[in-house]
Amino acid sequence: MTQENQAIEIRKNSIKETTLKNLDLKIKRKNLVLQIIPNILTKKIQMTCQLTQIKRILNLKEKKNLEIEKDLKTFHLKNLKRINSKEQNLSYYIKPILNFISFIFKI
């Protein structure tokens, strides 16, 4: 019986040691998890900040492009008006000359 009792005590001790080791491992895991979670959260926040900055930059670029397009449109419209006015002025001066030349060559 003494050998059996000794064997039982050894098993109990080994079981206690393994449970203590398991508890230590569980505590270490919890601590690691508690350390990892804030890191993950801060990375997510950083990523969202980066994404919002990228979106903001893209929106600004679009606005600038739209403003440039508007400016170009107005510039082209002004040029068209100038060209039209020049054409009208030229036609005003050239028509009488052309009429005169045509009259001369008819004779």
N, C-alpha and C. Protein backbone atom coordinates (compact mmCIF):
# COMPACT_ATOMS: atom_id res chain seq x y z
N MET A 1 0.81 -1.20 0.00
CA MET A 1 0.00 0.00 0.00
C MET A 1 0.86 1.26 0.00
N THR A 2 1.93 1.18 0.60
CA THR A 2 2.77 2.37 0.69
C THR A 2 3.27 2.78 -0.69
N GLN A 3 3.58 1.78 -1.50
CA GLN A 3 4.03 2.12 -2.85
C GLN A 3 2.87 2.71 -3.66
N GLU A 4 1.70 2.15 -3.46
CA GLU A 4 0.53 2.68 -4.15
C GLU A 4 0.24 4.11 -3.68
N ASN A 5 0.32 4.36 -2.39
CA ASN A 5 0.10 5.70 -1.85
C ASN A 5 1.14 6.68 -2.40
N GLN A 6 2.36 6.19 -2.45
CA GLN A 6 3.42 7.05 -2.98
C GLN A 6 3.15 7.37 -4.47
N ALA A 7 2.73 6.36 -5.20
CA ALA A 7 2.43 6.56 -6.62
C ALA A 7 1.28 7.55 -6.78
N ILE A 8 0.27 7.42 -5.92
CA ILE A 8 -0.88 8.33 -5.99
C ILE A 8 -0.45 9.75 -5.66
N GLU A 9 0.40 9.89 -4.64
CA GLU A 9 0.87 11.23 -4.27
C GLU A 9 1.72 11.85 -5.38
N ILE A 10 2.53 11.02 -6.01
CA ILE A 10 3.34 11.53 -7.12
C ILE A 10 2.44 12.00 -8.26
N ARG A 11 1.40 11.23 -8.54
CA ARG A 11 0.46 11.63 -9.60
C ARG A 11 -0.25 12.93 -9.23
N LYS A 12 -0.67 13.02 -7.95
CA LYS A 12 -1.34 14.24 -7.51
C LYS A 12 -0.41 15.44 -7.66
N ASN A 13 0.83 15.27 -7.24
CA ASN A 13 1.80 16.36 -7.35
C ASN A 13 2.04 16.76 -8.80
N SER A 14 2.15 15.76 -9.64
CA SER A 14 2.38 16.08 -11.05
C SER A 14 1.17 16.78 -11.65
N ILE A 15 -0.02 16.34 -11.23
CA ILE A 15 -1.24 16.99 -11.72
C ILE A 15 -1.29 18.43 -11.21
N LYS A 16 -0.94 18.65 -9.95
CA LYS A 16 -0.92 20.00 -9.40
C LYS A 16 0.08 20.87 -10.16
N GLU A 17 1.24 20.32 -10.46
CA GLU A 17 2.26 21.08 -11.19
C GLU A 17 1.77 21.45 -12.59
N THR A 18 1.14 20.46 -13.25
CA THR A 18 0.66 20.76 -14.60
C THR A 18 -0.46 21.79 -14.57
N THR A 19 -1.34 21.68 -13.55
CA THR A 19 -2.41 22.68 -13.46
C THR A 19 -1.83 24.05 -13.15
N LEU A 20 -0.81 24.11 -12.31
CA LEU A 20 -0.16 25.39 -12.03
C LEU A 20 0.52 25.94 -13.29
N LYS A 21 1.16 25.06 -14.04
CA LYS A 21 1.79 25.49 -15.29
C LYS A 21 0.72 26.00 -16.27
N ASN A 22 -0.38 25.25 -16.33
CA ASN A 22 -1.47 25.67 -17.22
C ASN A 22 -2.03 27.02 -16.79
N LEU A 23 -2.18 27.22 -15.49
CA LEU A 23 -2.68 28.50 -15.00
C LEU A 23 -1.69 29.62 -15.36
N ASP A 24 -0.41 29.35 -15.18
CA ASP A 24 0.60 30.35 -15.54
C ASP A 24 0.52 30.66 -17.03
N LEU A 25 0.38 29.63 -17.84
CA LEU A 25 0.28 29.84 -19.28
C LEU A 25 -0.97 30.64 -19.63
N LYS A 26 -2.08 30.32 -18.95
CA LYS A 26 -3.32 31.06 -19.22
C LYS A 26 -3.17 32.53 -18.86
N ILE A 27 -2.54 32.78 -17.72
CA ILE A 27 -2.33 34.17 -17.30
C ILE A 27 -1.44 34.89 -18.30
N LYS A 28 -0.38 34.21 -18.74
CA LYS A 28 0.52 34.83 -19.72
C LYS A 28 -0.21 35.10 -21.03
N ARG A 29 -1.05 34.18 -21.44
CA ARG A 29 -1.83 34.38 -22.67
C ARG A 29 -2.76 35.59 -22.53
N LYS A 30 -3.43 35.68 -21.38
CA LYS A 30 -4.33 36.81 -21.16
C LYS A 30 -3.56 38.12 -21.22
N ASN A 31 -2.39 38.12 -20.57
CA ASN A 31 -1.57 39.34 -20.60
C ASN A 31 -1.14 39.70 -22.02
N LEU A 32 -0.77 38.69 -22.78
CA LEU A 32 -0.38 38.94 -24.17
C LEU A 32 -1.55 39.47 -24.98
N VAL A 33 -2.69 38.85 -24.76
CA VAL A 33 -3.89 39.30 -25.48
C VAL A 33 -4.20 40.75 -25.10
N LEU A 34 -4.08 41.07 -23.84
CA LEU A 34 -4.35 42.43 -23.39
C LEU A 34 -3.33 43.41 -23.97
N GLN A 35 -2.14 42.95 -24.24
CA GLN A 35 -1.14 43.82 -24.86
C GLN A 35 -1.38 43.94 -26.36
N ILE A 36 -1.86 42.88 -26.97
CA ILE A 36 -2.04 42.88 -28.42
C ILE A 36 -3.26 43.70 -28.83
N ILE A 37 -4.33 43.61 -28.07
CA ILE A 37 -5.58 44.29 -28.45
C ILE A 37 -5.38 45.80 -28.64
N PRO A 38 -4.75 46.50 -27.69
CA PRO A 38 -4.55 47.94 -27.94
C PRO A 38 -3.70 48.22 -29.18
N ASN A 39 -2.72 47.36 -29.44
CA ASN A 39 -1.91 47.54 -30.64
C ASN A 39 -2.77 47.44 -31.89
N ILE A 40 -3.64 46.44 -31.91
CA ILE A 40 -4.52 46.26 -33.07
C ILE A 40 -5.45 47.46 -33.22
N LEU A 41 -5.99 47.91 -32.10
CA LEU A 41 -6.91 49.04 -32.15
C LEU A 41 -6.21 50.31 -32.64
N THR A 42 -5.01 50.54 -32.16
CA THR A 42 -4.30 51.74 -32.61
C THR A 42 -3.95 51.63 -34.10
N LYS A 43 -3.61 50.44 -34.54
CA LYS A 43 -3.32 50.27 -35.97
C LYS A 43 -4.56 50.53 -36.80
N LYS A 44 -5.71 50.06 -36.31
CA LYS A 44 -6.96 50.31 -37.05
C LYS A 44 -7.25 51.80 -37.10
N ILE A 45 -7.04 52.47 -35.99
CA ILE A 45 -7.28 53.91 -35.96
C ILE A 45 -6.34 54.61 -36.92
N GLN A 46 -5.08 54.20 -36.93
CA GLN A 46 -4.11 54.80 -37.85
C GLN A 46 -4.52 54.56 -39.30
N MET A 47 -4.98 53.35 -39.58
CA MET A 47 -5.40 53.04 -40.95
C MET A 47 -6.60 53.88 -41.36
N THR A 48 -7.56 54.03 -40.45
CA THR A 48 -8.73 54.84 -40.79
C THR A 48 -8.32 56.30 -40.98
N CYS A 49 -7.40 56.78 -40.18
CA CYS A 49 -6.91 58.15 -40.34
C CYS A 49 -6.23 58.31 -41.70
N GLN A 50 -5.43 57.34 -42.06
CA GLN A 50 -4.76 57.40 -43.35
C GLN A 50 -5.78 57.38 -44.49
N LEU A 51 -6.78 56.53 -44.36
CA LEU A 51 -7.80 56.46 -45.40
C LEU A 51 -8.56 57.77 -45.52
N THR A 52 -8.91 58.37 -44.39
CA THR A 52 -9.62 59.64 -44.46
C THR A 52 -8.73 60.72 -45.07
N GLN A 53 -7.44 60.69 -44.75
CA GLN A 53 -6.53 61.68 -45.34
C GLN A 53 -6.43 61.47 -46.85
N ILE A 54 -6.35 60.23 -47.26
CA ILE A 54 -6.28 59.95 -48.70
C ILE A 54 -7.55 60.41 -49.39
N LYS A 55 -8.71 60.15 -48.79
CA LYS A 55 -9.97 60.59 -49.37
C LYS A 55 -10.03 62.11 -49.45
N ARG A 56 -9.56 62.77 -48.39
CA ARG A 56 -9.56 64.22 -48.38
C ARG A 56 -8.67 64.77 -49.49
N ILE A 57 -7.51 64.17 -49.65
CA ILE A 57 -6.58 64.62 -50.69
C ILE A 57 -7.20 64.42 -52.07
N LEU A 58 -7.83 63.26 -52.28
CA LEU A 58 -8.46 63.01 -53.57
C LEU A 58 -9.60 63.99 -53.84
N ASN A 59 -10.37 64.29 -52.82
CA ASN A 59 -11.45 65.26 -52.99
C ASN A 59 -10.90 66.64 -53.36
N LEU A 60 -9.82 67.02 -52.69
CA LEU A 60 -9.21 68.31 -53.02
C LEU A 60 -8.70 68.34 -54.45
N LYS A 61 -8.10 67.24 -54.87
CA LYS A 61 -7.59 67.16 -56.25
C LYS A 61 -8.75 67.27 -57.24
N GLU A 62 -9.85 66.59 -56.94
CA GLU A 62 -11.02 66.66 -57.82
C GLU A 62 -11.55 68.09 -57.89
N LYS A 63 -11.62 68.75 -56.74
CA LYS A 63 -12.11 70.13 -56.72
C LYS A 63 -11.19 71.02 -57.54
N LYS A 64 -9.89 70.84 -57.37
CA LYS A 64 -8.95 71.66 -58.14
C LYS A 64 -9.11 71.40 -59.63
N ASN A 65 -9.27 70.13 -59.99
CA ASN A 65 -9.45 69.80 -61.40
C ASN A 65 -10.73 70.43 -61.94
N LEU A 66 -11.78 70.39 -61.14
CA LEU A 66 -13.03 70.99 -61.59
C LEU A 66 -12.88 72.50 -61.76
N GLU A 67 -12.16 73.13 -60.82
CA GLU A 67 -11.94 74.56 -60.94
C GLU A 67 -11.12 74.88 -62.19
N ILE A 68 -10.12 74.07 -62.44
CA ILE A 68 -9.29 74.28 -63.63
C ILE A 68 -10.14 74.10 -64.89
N GLU A 69 -10.99 73.09 -64.88
CA GLU A 69 -11.86 72.87 -66.04
C GLU A 69 -12.79 74.07 -66.25
N LYS A 70 -13.34 74.58 -65.17
CA LYS A 70 -14.22 75.75 -65.29
C LYS A 70 -13.44 76.93 -65.85
N ASP A 71 -12.24 77.12 -65.30
CA ASP A 71 -11.42 78.23 -65.80
C ASP A 71 -11.09 78.04 -67.27
N LEU A 72 -10.77 76.82 -67.65
CA LEU A 72 -10.47 76.57 -69.05
C LEU A 72 -11.68 76.82 -69.94
N LYS A 73 -12.86 76.43 -69.45
CA LYS A 73 -14.08 76.66 -70.22
C LYS A 73 -14.31 78.15 -70.42
N THR A 74 -14.15 78.89 -69.34
CA THR A 74 -14.37 80.33 -69.47
C THR A 74 -13.31 80.94 -70.39
N PHE A 75 -12.09 80.45 -70.28
CA PHE A 75 -11.03 80.95 -71.16
C PHE A 75 -11.36 80.67 -72.62
N HIS A 76 -11.79 79.46 -72.89
CA HIS A 76 -12.15 79.10 -74.27
C HIS A 76 -13.35 79.91 -74.76
N LEU A 77 -14.30 80.10 -73.88
CA LEU A 77 -15.46 80.90 -74.28
C LEU A 77 -15.06 82.33 -74.59
N LYS A 78 -14.18 82.88 -73.76
CA LYS A 78 -13.71 84.24 -74.03
C LYS A 78 -12.96 84.30 -75.35
N ASN A 79 -12.13 83.28 -75.58
CA ASN A 79 -11.39 83.25 -76.84
C ASN A 79 -12.33 83.13 -78.03
N LEU A 80 -13.36 82.31 -77.88
CA LEU A 80 -14.33 82.18 -78.96
C LEU A 80 -15.03 83.51 -79.23
N LYS A 81 -15.37 84.20 -78.17
CA LYS A 81 -16.02 85.51 -78.34
C LYS A 81 -15.07 86.47 -79.05
N ARG A 82 -13.81 86.45 -78.64
CA ARG A 82 -12.83 87.32 -79.28
C ARG A 82 -12.68 86.97 -80.76
N ILE A 83 -12.57 85.68 -81.03
CA ILE A 83 -12.41 85.25 -82.42
C ILE A 83 -13.62 85.64 -83.24
N ASN A 84 -14.80 85.43 -82.68
CA ASN A 84 -16.02 85.81 -83.38
C ASN A 84 -16.07 87.31 -83.63
N SER A 85 -15.69 88.06 -82.62
CA SER A 85 -15.71 89.51 -82.80
C SER A 85 -14.68 89.94 -83.85
N LYS A 86 -13.51 89.31 -83.85
CA LYS A 86 -12.50 89.61 -84.87
C LYS A 86 -13.00 89.24 -86.26
N GLU A 87 -13.66 88.10 -86.36
CA GLU A 87 -14.20 87.67 -87.66
C GLU A 87 -15.25 88.67 -88.14
N GLN A 88 -16.06 89.09 -87.22
CA GLN A 88 -17.08 90.06 -87.61
C GLN A 88 -16.44 91.37 -88.05
N ASN A 89 -15.42 91.77 -87.30
CA ASN A 89 -14.72 93.01 -87.67
C ASN A 89 -14.05 92.85 -89.04
N LEU A 90 -13.42 91.72 -89.26
CA LEU A 90 -12.78 91.47 -90.53
C LEU A 90 -13.80 91.43 -91.67
N SER A 91 -14.87 90.78 -91.41
CA SER A 91 -15.89 90.72 -92.45
C SER A 91 -16.47 92.11 -92.74
N TYR A 92 -16.54 92.92 -91.72
CA TYR A 92 -17.03 94.28 -91.91
C TYR A 92 -16.10 95.07 -92.83
N TYR A 93 -14.78 94.83 -92.66
CA TYR A 93 -13.82 95.55 -93.50
C TYR A 93 -13.57 94.88 -94.84
N ILE A 94 -13.64 93.58 -94.87
CA ILE A 94 -13.28 92.86 -96.10
C ILE A 94 -14.44 92.83 -97.09
N LYS A 95 -15.64 92.77 -96.64
CA LYS A 95 -16.79 92.68 -97.55
C LYS A 95 -16.84 93.83 -98.56
N PRO A 96 -16.70 95.04 -98.12
CA PRO A 96 -16.73 96.12 -99.12
C PRO A 96 -15.58 96.00 -100.13
N ILE A 97 -14.43 95.56 -99.63
CA ILE A 97 -13.30 95.41 -100.55
C ILE A 97 -13.58 94.31 -101.55
N LEU A 98 -14.11 93.22 -101.07
CA LEU A 98 -14.44 92.11 -101.96
C LEU A 98 -15.53 92.53 -102.96
N ASN A 99 -16.49 93.26 -102.49
CA ASN A 99 -17.54 93.75 -103.39
C ASN A 99 -16.95 94.67 -104.47
N PHE A 100 -16.05 95.50 -104.02
CA PHE A 100 -15.42 96.40 -104.97
C PHE A 100 -14.61 95.64 -106.01
N ILE A 101 -13.84 94.67 -105.56
CA ILE A 101 -13.03 93.87 -106.48
C ILE A 101 -13.91 93.09 -107.43
N SER A 102 -14.96 92.53 -106.93
CA SER A 102 -15.86 91.79 -107.79
C SER A 102 -16.53 92.70 -108.82
N PHE A 103 -16.82 93.90 -108.41
CA PHE A 103 -17.41 94.87 -109.34
C PHE A 103 -16.43 95.25 -110.44
N ILE A 104 -15.17 95.40 -110.04
CA ILE A 104 -14.13 95.78 -111.01
C ILE A 104 -13.92 94.66 -112.01
N PHE A 105 -13.87 93.46 -111.58
CA PHE A 105 -13.59 92.36 -112.50
C PHE A 105 -14.80 92.01 -113.36
N LYS A 106 -15.95 92.44 -113.00
CA LYS A 106 -17.14 92.21 -113.83
C LYS A 106 -17.09 93.07 -115.08
N ILE A 107 -16.50 94.19 -114.93
CA ILE A 107 -16.44 95.13 -116.04
C ILE A 107 -15.34 94.75 -116.97
